[in-house]
């Protein structure tokens, strides 16, 4: 198993999950004033080999308000930044390993 590749794959799945959460939240905010609107919910689960997967569903309840979506956007931003940091660290480690082998 290539640790560098699996680290990148895990971080990439985290970036995708954060993007899905941000898109769902943006959709909810944009449509929050629509009569009878039911917001999107994102369910996130772990994958057996590492990383996460997401599933988007329509809520059975009307939107409770924008506060939850603002929090979801902040969480998505922080998750995105954390996973981006993993990519940067992984890249730096790979560069160090390649330089050491040369």
C-alpha atoms as a PDB file:
ATOM      1  CA  UNK A   1       0.000   0.000   0.000  1.00  0.00           C
ATOM      2  CA  UNK A   2       1.351   3.412  -0.953  1.00  0.00           C
ATOM      3  CA  UNK A   3       0.941   5.646   2.112  1.00  0.00           C
ATOM      4  CA  UNK A   4       1.379   8.863   0.105  1.00  0.00           C
ATOM      5  CA  UNK A   5      -1.342   7.876  -2.357  1.00  0.00           C
ATOM      6  CA  UNK A   6      -3.746   6.808   0.356  1.00  0.00           C
ATOM      7  CA  UNK A   7      -3.133  10.032   2.281  1.00  0.00           C
ATOM      8  CA  UNK A   8      -3.898  12.025  -0.851  1.00  0.00           C
ATOM      9  CA  UNK A   9      -7.007   9.939  -1.541  1.00  0.00           C
ATOM     10  CA  UNK A  10      -8.294  10.465   1.994  1.00  0.00           C
ATOM     11  CA  UNK A  11      -7.651  14.214   1.824  1.00  0.00           C
ATOM     12  CA  UNK A  12      -9.300  14.373  -1.610  1.00  0.00           C
ATOM     13  CA  UNK A  13     -12.428  12.651  -0.296  1.00  0.00           C
ATOM     14  CA  UNK A  14     -12.498  15.210   2.523  1.00  0.00           C
ATOM     15  CA  UNK A  15     -12.267  18.049  -0.009  1.00  0.00           C
ATOM     16  CA  UNK A  16     -15.128  16.532  -1.995  1.00  0.00           C
ATOM     17  CA  UNK A  17     -17.246  16.159   1.153  1.00  0.00           C
ATOM     18  CA  UNK A  18     -16.604  19.792   2.113  1.00  0.00           C
ATOM     19  CA  UNK A  19     -17.561  20.917  -1.392  1.00  0.00           C
ATOM     20  CA  UNK A  20     -20.780  18.882  -1.252  1.00  0.00           C
ATOM     21  CA  UNK A  21     -21.683  20.420   2.115  1.00  0.00           C
ATOM     22  CA  UNK A  22     -20.977  23.922   0.815  1.00  0.00           C
ATOM     23  CA  UNK A  23     -23.058  23.368  -2.333  1.00  0.00           C
ATOM     24  CA  UNK A  24     -25.998  21.993  -0.357  1.00  0.00           C
ATOM     25  CA  UNK A  25     -25.823  24.895   2.090  1.00  0.00           C
ATOM     26  CA  UNK A  26     -25.671  27.443  -0.742  1.00  0.00           C
ATOM     27  CA  UNK A  27     -28.704  25.788  -2.333  1.00  0.00           C
ATOM     28  CA  UNK A  28     -30.567  25.975   0.969  1.00  0.00           C
ATOM     29  CA  UNK A  29     -29.750  29.660   1.459  1.00  0.00           C
ATOM     30  CA  UNK A  30     -30.730  30.531  -2.115  1.00  0.00           C
ATOM     31  CA  UNK A  31     -34.086  28.771  -1.801  1.00  0.00           C
ATOM     32  CA  UNK A  32     -34.888  29.438   1.855  1.00  0.00           C
ATOM     33  CA  UNK A  33     -37.666  31.936   1.081  1.00  0.00           C
ATOM     34  CA  UNK A  34     -39.459  29.573  -1.312  1.00  0.00           C
ATOM     35  CA  UNK A  35     -42.860  28.470  -0.016  1.00  0.00           C
ATOM     36  CA  UNK A  36     -42.720  24.875   1.244  1.00  0.00           C
ATOM     37  CA  UNK A  37     -39.002  24.556   0.618  1.00  0.00           C
ATOM     38  CA  UNK A  38     -37.385  21.529   2.243  1.00  0.00           C
ATOM     39  CA  UNK A  39     -33.613  21.931   2.603  1.00  0.00           C
ATOM     40  CA  UNK A  40     -30.960  19.519   1.450  1.00  0.00           C
ATOM     41  CA  UNK A  41     -29.155  17.467   4.089  1.00  0.00           C
ATOM     42  CA  UNK A  42     -25.715  15.952   3.656  1.00  0.00           C
ATOM     43  CA  UNK A  43     -24.994  12.656   5.358  1.00  0.00           C
ATOM     44  CA  UNK A  44     -21.323  11.788   5.648  1.00  0.00           C
ATOM     45  CA  UNK A  45     -19.927   8.336   6.365  1.00  0.00           C
ATOM     46  CA  UNK A  46     -16.484   6.794   6.601  1.00  0.00           C
ATOM     47  CA  UNK A  47     -15.153   4.569   3.825  1.00  0.00           C
ATOM     48  CA  UNK A  48     -13.601   1.233   4.676  1.00  0.00           C
ATOM     49  CA  UNK A  49     -10.204   2.093   3.155  1.00  0.00           C
ATOM     50  CA  UNK A  50     -10.141   5.573   4.672  1.00  0.00           C
ATOM     51  CA  UNK A  51     -11.755   8.817   3.704  1.00  0.00           C
ATOM     52  CA  UNK A  52     -15.400   9.793   3.600  1.00  0.00           C
ATOM     53  CA  UNK A  53     -18.372   9.604   1.292  1.00  0.00           C
ATOM     54  CA  UNK A  54     -21.424  11.832   1.198  1.00  0.00           C
ATOM     55  CA  UNK A  55     -25.061  11.435   0.303  1.00  0.00           C
ATOM     56  CA  UNK A  56     -27.409  14.362  -0.286  1.00  0.00           C
ATOM     57  CA  UNK A  57     -31.088  14.014   0.642  1.00  0.00           C
ATOM     58  CA  UNK A  58     -34.063  16.334   0.848  1.00  0.00           C
ATOM     59  CA  UNK A  59     -35.137  16.949   4.450  1.00  0.00           C
ATOM     60  CA  UNK A  60     -38.594  15.809   5.489  1.00  0.00           C
ATOM     61  CA  UNK A  61     -39.011  19.043   7.482  1.00  0.00           C
ATOM     62  CA  UNK A  62     -39.156  22.663   6.284  1.00  0.00           C
ATOM     63  CA  UNK A  63     -36.083  24.815   6.734  1.00  0.00           C
ATOM     64  CA  UNK A  64     -35.675  25.921  10.370  1.00  0.00           C
ATOM     65  CA  UNK A  65     -33.705  29.043   9.391  1.00  0.00           C
ATOM     66  CA  UNK A  66     -30.469  30.280   7.939  1.00  0.00           C
ATOM     67  CA  UNK A  67     -28.405  29.873  11.105  1.00  0.00           C
ATOM     68  CA  UNK A  68     -27.786  26.185  10.497  1.00  0.00           C
ATOM     69  CA  UNK A  69     -26.662  26.852   6.947  1.00  0.00           C
ATOM     70  CA  UNK A  70     -24.231  29.561   8.047  1.00  0.00           C
ATOM     71  CA  UNK A  71     -22.699  27.095  10.513  1.00  0.00           C
ATOM     72  CA  UNK A  72     -22.578  24.415   7.778  1.00  0.00           C
ATOM     73  CA  UNK A  73     -20.737  26.832   5.484  1.00  0.00           C
ATOM     74  CA  UNK A  74     -18.164  27.606   8.170  1.00  0.00           C
ATOM     75  CA  UNK A  75     -17.698  23.899   8.903  1.00  0.00           C
ATOM     76  CA  UNK A  76     -17.254  23.170   5.189  1.00  0.00           C
ATOM     77  CA  UNK A  77     -14.689  25.972   4.886  1.00  0.00           C
ATOM     78  CA  UNK A  78     -12.692  24.668   7.851  1.00  0.00           C
ATOM     79  CA  UNK A  79     -12.842  21.071   6.588  1.00  0.00           C
ATOM     80  CA  UNK A  80     -11.682  22.248   3.171  1.00  0.00           C
ATOM     81  CA  UNK A  81      -8.736  24.148   4.687  1.00  0.00           C
ATOM     82  CA  UNK A  82      -7.776  21.191   6.897  1.00  0.00           C
ATOM     83  CA  UNK A  83      -7.740  18.773   3.958  1.00  0.00           C
ATOM     84  CA  UNK A  84      -5.837  21.261   1.817  1.00  0.00           C
ATOM     85  CA  UNK A  85      -3.226  21.399   4.572  1.00  0.00           C
ATOM     86  CA  UNK A  86      -2.924  17.608   4.380  1.00  0.00           C
ATOM     87  CA  UNK A  87      -2.237  17.888   0.636  1.00  0.00           C
ATOM     88  CA  UNK A  88       0.430  20.547   1.202  1.00  0.00           C
ATOM     89  CA  UNK A  89       2.119  18.512   3.930  1.00  0.00           C
ATOM     90  CA  UNK A  90       1.960  15.370   1.807  1.00  0.00           C
ATOM     91  CA  UNK A  91       3.537  17.262  -1.102  1.00  0.00           C
ATOM     92  CA  UNK A  92       6.321  18.594   1.134  1.00  0.00           C
ATOM     93  CA  UNK A  93       6.995  15.115   2.515  1.00  0.00           C
ATOM     94  CA  UNK A  94       7.093  13.599  -0.970  1.00  0.00           C
ATOM     95  CA  UNK A  95       9.517  16.305  -2.123  1.00  0.00           C
ATOM     96  CA  UNK A  96      11.772  15.587   0.860  1.00  0.00           C
ATOM     97  CA  UNK A  97      11.726  11.857   0.121  1.00  0.00           C
ATOM     98  CA  UNK A  98      12.536  12.423  -3.551  1.00  0.00           C
ATOM     99  CA  UNK A  99      15.400  14.778  -2.664  1.00  0.00           C
ATOM    100  CA  UNK A 100      16.783  12.241  -0.176  1.00  0.00           C
ATOM    101  CA  UNK A 101      16.805   9.495  -2.827  1.00  0.00           C
ATOM    102  CA  UNK A 102      18.599  11.602  -5.457  1.00  0.00           C
END
